[in-house]
Amino acid sequence: MSMSLAILDSSMAMGLTVDEGSKLFGILMGNRGLSLEQAEALAESTYQMAQQNNVNPSAVMRDIANSAEIIAKFGGENLENITKTAVQAKKLGL
């Protein structure tokens, strides 16, 4: 499967638009240098963490995708903490 199709497939599974999925994977692969497989694994674990915390996983993934510029400036080196923070923020209604 090509990278584009893999990103599209993952985006649809997470309830994201093509644009949001592209942003999300751009953050994971571009800023952090993750491979496609690593980016998919991090996105999946974040999605599952949101489900376990009773928050809308698609909303969490969308928040991360739409925060690409902020993450690029301040958090590209610490994506795992950003994903955890995004889940907790959504849990608190932020």
N, C-alpha and C. Protein backbone atom coordinates (compact mmCIF):
# COMPACT_ATOMS: atom_id res chain seq x y z
N MET A 1 0.85 -1.17 0.00
CA MET A 1 0.00 0.00 0.00
C MET A 1 0.89 1.24 0.00
N SER A 2 0.54 2.20 -0.81
CA SER A 2 1.34 3.43 -0.87
C SER A 2 1.14 4.25 0.40
N MET A 3 2.06 5.16 0.64
CA MET A 3 1.98 6.01 1.82
C MET A 3 0.69 6.83 1.81
N SER A 4 0.34 7.39 0.67
CA SER A 4 -0.87 8.20 0.57
C SER A 4 -2.11 7.40 0.93
N LEU A 5 -2.19 6.18 0.42
CA LEU A 5 -3.35 5.34 0.72
C LEU A 5 -3.37 4.92 2.19
N ALA A 6 -2.21 4.66 2.76
CA ALA A 6 -2.13 4.29 4.17
C ALA A 6 -2.59 5.45 5.05
N ILE A 7 -2.18 6.66 4.72
CA ILE A 7 -2.59 7.84 5.49
C ILE A 7 -4.08 8.07 5.32
N LEU A 8 -4.59 7.94 4.12
CA LEU A 8 -6.02 8.08 3.87
C LEU A 8 -6.81 7.05 4.65
N ASP A 9 -6.37 5.81 4.62
CA ASP A 9 -7.05 4.73 5.34
C ASP A 9 -7.06 4.99 6.85
N SER A 10 -5.91 5.38 7.40
CA SER A 10 -5.83 5.68 8.83
C SER A 10 -6.69 6.88 9.19
N SER A 11 -6.68 7.89 8.35
CA SER A 11 -7.48 9.09 8.60
C SER A 11 -8.96 8.75 8.67
N MET A 12 -9.41 7.98 7.71
CA MET A 12 -10.83 7.60 7.68
C MET A 12 -11.18 6.76 8.90
N ALA A 13 -10.30 5.85 9.31
CA ALA A 13 -10.55 5.02 10.48
C ALA A 13 -10.65 5.84 11.76
N MET A 14 -9.93 6.96 11.79
CA MET A 14 -9.96 7.83 12.97
C MET A 14 -11.05 8.90 12.89
N GLY A 15 -11.78 8.93 11.79
CA GLY A 15 -12.84 9.92 11.64
C GLY A 15 -12.34 11.29 11.27
N LEU A 16 -11.19 11.36 10.60
CA LEU A 16 -10.61 12.63 10.20
C LEU A 16 -10.83 12.88 8.72
N THR A 17 -10.82 14.13 8.34
CA THR A 17 -10.85 14.47 6.92
C THR A 17 -9.47 14.18 6.33
N VAL A 18 -9.39 14.20 5.04
CA VAL A 18 -8.10 13.99 4.37
C VAL A 18 -7.11 15.06 4.81
N ASP A 19 -7.57 16.31 4.88
CA ASP A 19 -6.70 17.42 5.28
C ASP A 19 -6.20 17.22 6.72
N GLU A 20 -7.11 16.86 7.62
CA GLU A 20 -6.72 16.65 9.02
C GLU A 20 -5.74 15.48 9.14
N GLY A 21 -6.01 14.41 8.41
CA GLY A 21 -5.10 13.26 8.45
C GLY A 21 -3.73 13.61 7.91
N SER A 22 -3.71 14.39 6.84
CA SER A 22 -2.43 14.82 6.28
C SER A 22 -1.65 15.67 7.27
N LYS A 23 -2.35 16.57 7.96
CA LYS A 23 -1.68 17.40 8.97
C LYS A 23 -1.15 16.53 10.10
N LEU A 24 -1.99 15.60 10.57
CA LEU A 24 -1.58 14.74 11.68
C LEU A 24 -0.34 13.95 11.33
N PHE A 25 -0.36 13.29 10.19
CA PHE A 25 0.80 12.48 9.80
C PHE A 25 1.99 13.36 9.43
N GLY A 26 1.73 14.57 8.96
CA GLY A 26 2.82 15.51 8.71
C GLY A 26 3.54 15.87 9.99
N ILE A 27 2.77 16.06 11.06
CA ILE A 27 3.37 16.35 12.37
C ILE A 27 4.20 15.16 12.83
N LEU A 28 3.60 13.98 12.78
CA LEU A 28 4.26 12.80 13.32
C LEU A 28 5.48 12.40 12.51
N MET A 29 5.37 12.49 11.20
CA MET A 29 6.47 12.04 10.36
C MET A 29 7.48 13.15 10.07
N GLY A 30 7.00 14.38 9.90
CA GLY A 30 7.88 15.48 9.55
C GLY A 30 8.65 16.03 10.71
N ASN A 31 7.95 16.39 11.77
CA ASN A 31 8.61 17.02 12.92
C ASN A 31 9.43 16.04 13.72
N ARG A 32 8.95 14.84 13.81
CA ARG A 32 9.61 13.87 14.68
C ARG A 32 10.44 12.88 13.89
N GLY A 33 10.21 12.81 12.60
CA GLY A 33 10.98 11.89 11.77
C GLY A 33 10.56 10.44 11.92
N LEU A 34 9.31 10.21 12.33
CA LEU A 34 8.83 8.85 12.47
C LEU A 34 8.57 8.24 11.10
N SER A 35 8.71 6.94 11.03
CA SER A 35 8.32 6.24 9.81
C SER A 35 6.80 6.18 9.75
N LEU A 36 6.26 5.79 8.63
CA LEU A 36 4.81 5.66 8.50
C LEU A 36 4.28 4.68 9.54
N GLU A 37 4.95 3.58 9.73
CA GLU A 37 4.51 2.56 10.69
C GLU A 37 4.54 3.11 12.12
N GLN A 38 5.59 3.85 12.45
CA GLN A 38 5.69 4.43 13.79
C GLN A 38 4.61 5.49 14.00
N ALA A 39 4.35 6.31 12.99
CA ALA A 39 3.32 7.33 13.08
C ALA A 39 1.95 6.70 13.26
N GLU A 40 1.68 5.64 12.50
CA GLU A 40 0.41 4.94 12.65
C GLU A 40 0.27 4.35 14.05
N ALA A 41 1.34 3.79 14.59
CA ALA A 41 1.30 3.20 15.92
C ALA A 41 1.04 4.27 16.98
N LEU A 42 1.69 5.43 16.86
CA LEU A 42 1.48 6.52 17.82
C LEU A 42 0.05 7.05 17.71
N ALA A 43 -0.43 7.23 16.50
CA ALA A 43 -1.81 7.70 16.31
C ALA A 43 -2.79 6.70 16.89
N GLU A 44 -2.58 5.43 16.64
CA GLU A 44 -3.46 4.39 17.16
C GLU A 44 -3.46 4.35 18.68
N SER A 45 -2.28 4.46 19.29
CA SER A 45 -2.22 4.43 20.76
C SER A 45 -2.89 5.66 21.35
N THR A 46 -2.76 6.80 20.69
CA THR A 46 -3.44 8.01 21.16
C THR A 46 -4.95 7.86 21.04
N TYR A 47 -5.40 7.31 19.93
CA TYR A 47 -6.83 7.06 19.70
C TYR A 47 -7.37 6.14 20.79
N GLN A 48 -6.65 5.07 21.08
CA GLN A 48 -7.09 4.13 22.12
C GLN A 48 -7.06 4.76 23.51
N MET A 49 -6.05 5.58 23.77
CA MET A 49 -5.99 6.27 25.06
C MET A 49 -7.21 7.17 25.25
N ALA A 50 -7.62 7.84 24.19
CA ALA A 50 -8.81 8.69 24.27
C ALA A 50 -10.04 7.85 24.57
N GLN A 51 -10.18 6.71 23.90
CA GLN A 51 -11.32 5.83 24.17
C GLN A 51 -11.31 5.37 25.61
N GLN A 52 -10.16 5.00 26.14
CA GLN A 52 -10.05 4.53 27.51
C GLN A 52 -10.40 5.62 28.52
N ASN A 53 -10.23 6.88 28.11
CA ASN A 53 -10.54 8.00 29.00
C ASN A 53 -11.92 8.59 28.73
N ASN A 54 -12.73 7.85 27.96
CA ASN A 54 -14.11 8.25 27.67
C ASN A 54 -14.24 9.62 27.03
N VAL A 55 -13.32 9.92 26.12
CA VAL A 55 -13.42 11.14 25.32
C VAL A 55 -13.47 10.74 23.85
N ASN A 56 -13.98 11.61 23.03
CA ASN A 56 -14.13 11.34 21.61
C ASN A 56 -12.75 11.27 20.96
N PRO A 57 -12.32 10.08 20.54
CA PRO A 57 -10.99 9.95 19.95
C PRO A 57 -10.80 10.78 18.69
N SER A 58 -11.84 10.87 17.87
CA SER A 58 -11.72 11.67 16.64
C SER A 58 -11.48 13.13 16.97
N ALA A 59 -12.14 13.63 18.02
CA ALA A 59 -11.96 15.02 18.42
C ALA A 59 -10.53 15.28 18.90
N VAL A 60 -9.97 14.32 19.62
CA VAL A 60 -8.59 14.45 20.11
C VAL A 60 -7.63 14.48 18.92
N MET A 61 -7.82 13.56 17.99
CA MET A 61 -6.94 13.50 16.82
C MET A 61 -7.07 14.77 15.98
N ARG A 62 -8.28 15.28 15.87
CA ARG A 62 -8.53 16.51 15.13
C ARG A 62 -7.82 17.69 15.81
N ASP A 63 -7.90 17.75 17.15
CA ASP A 63 -7.21 18.82 17.89
C ASP A 63 -5.71 18.78 17.64
N ILE A 64 -5.15 17.60 17.66
CA ILE A 64 -3.71 17.47 17.43
C ILE A 64 -3.37 17.91 16.00
N ALA A 65 -4.15 17.43 15.05
CA ALA A 65 -3.91 17.79 13.64
C ALA A 65 -4.02 19.28 13.41
N ASN A 66 -4.98 19.91 14.05
CA ASN A 66 -5.20 21.34 13.84
C ASN A 66 -4.25 22.22 14.66
N SER A 67 -3.41 21.59 15.45
CA SER A 67 -2.40 22.33 16.23
C SER A 67 -1.01 22.15 15.64
N ALA A 68 -0.94 21.85 14.37
CA ALA A 68 0.34 21.54 13.72
C ALA A 68 1.38 22.64 13.91
N GLU A 69 0.99 23.88 13.73
CA GLU A 69 1.96 24.97 13.84
C GLU A 69 2.52 25.10 15.25
N ILE A 70 1.65 25.00 16.24
CA ILE A 70 2.09 25.11 17.63
C ILE A 70 3.00 23.95 17.99
N ILE A 71 2.61 22.76 17.57
CA ILE A 71 3.43 21.58 17.86
C ILE A 71 4.79 21.70 17.16
N ALA A 72 4.78 22.18 15.94
CA ALA A 72 6.04 22.34 15.21
C ALA A 72 6.97 23.31 15.93
N LYS A 73 6.42 24.38 16.48
CA LYS A 73 7.24 25.38 17.17
C LYS A 73 7.72 24.90 18.54
N PHE A 74 6.82 24.26 19.29
CA PHE A 74 7.13 24.02 20.70
C PHE A 74 7.20 22.57 21.13
N GLY A 75 6.69 21.64 20.33
CA GLY A 75 6.59 20.30 20.86
C GLY A 75 7.00 19.18 19.96
N GLY A 76 7.69 19.48 18.91
CA GLY A 76 8.05 18.44 17.98
C GLY A 76 8.90 17.33 18.58
N GLU A 77 9.63 17.63 19.61
CA GLU A 77 10.50 16.63 20.22
C GLU A 77 9.80 15.80 21.28
N ASN A 78 8.59 16.17 21.66
CA ASN A 78 7.93 15.49 22.76
C ASN A 78 6.48 15.15 22.41
N LEU A 79 6.29 14.47 21.31
CA LEU A 79 4.95 14.17 20.83
C LEU A 79 4.15 13.26 21.76
N GLU A 80 4.81 12.36 22.44
CA GLU A 80 4.08 11.46 23.34
C GLU A 80 3.38 12.25 24.44
N ASN A 81 4.07 13.23 25.01
CA ASN A 81 3.44 14.06 26.04
C ASN A 81 2.34 14.93 25.46
N ILE A 82 2.53 15.39 24.24
CA ILE A 82 1.50 16.20 23.61
C ILE A 82 0.23 15.38 23.40
N THR A 83 0.39 14.13 22.97
CA THR A 83 -0.79 13.30 22.76
C THR A 83 -1.52 13.04 24.08
N LYS A 84 -0.77 12.78 25.14
CA LYS A 84 -1.39 12.57 26.45
C LYS A 84 -2.09 13.83 26.93
N THR A 85 -1.46 14.97 26.72
CA THR A 85 -2.05 16.24 27.12
C THR A 85 -3.32 16.53 26.33
N ALA A 86 -3.32 16.21 25.05
CA ALA A 86 -4.51 16.42 24.22
C ALA A 86 -5.69 15.60 24.72
N VAL A 87 -5.44 14.37 25.13
CA VAL A 87 -6.50 13.52 25.67
C VAL A 87 -7.02 14.11 26.99
N GLN A 88 -6.11 14.49 27.86
CA GLN A 88 -6.53 15.05 29.16
C GLN A 88 -7.28 16.36 29.00
N ALA A 89 -6.84 17.20 28.08
CA ALA A 89 -7.52 18.48 27.82
C ALA A 89 -8.95 18.23 27.37
N LYS A 90 -9.14 17.28 26.47
CA LYS A 90 -10.47 16.96 25.97
C LYS A 90 -11.31 16.38 27.10
N LYS A 91 -10.69 15.60 27.95
CA LYS A 91 -11.40 15.00 29.10
C LYS A 91 -11.91 16.10 30.04
N LEU A 92 -11.14 17.16 30.16
CA LEU A 92 -11.53 18.29 31.01
C LEU A 92 -12.45 19.28 30.29
N GLY A 93 -12.74 18.99 29.03
CA GLY A 93 -13.64 19.86 28.28
C GLY A 93 -12.96 21.04 27.62
N LEU A 94 -11.66 20.99 27.50
CA LEU A 94 -10.91 22.09 26.88
C LEU A 94 -10.70 21.84 25.43
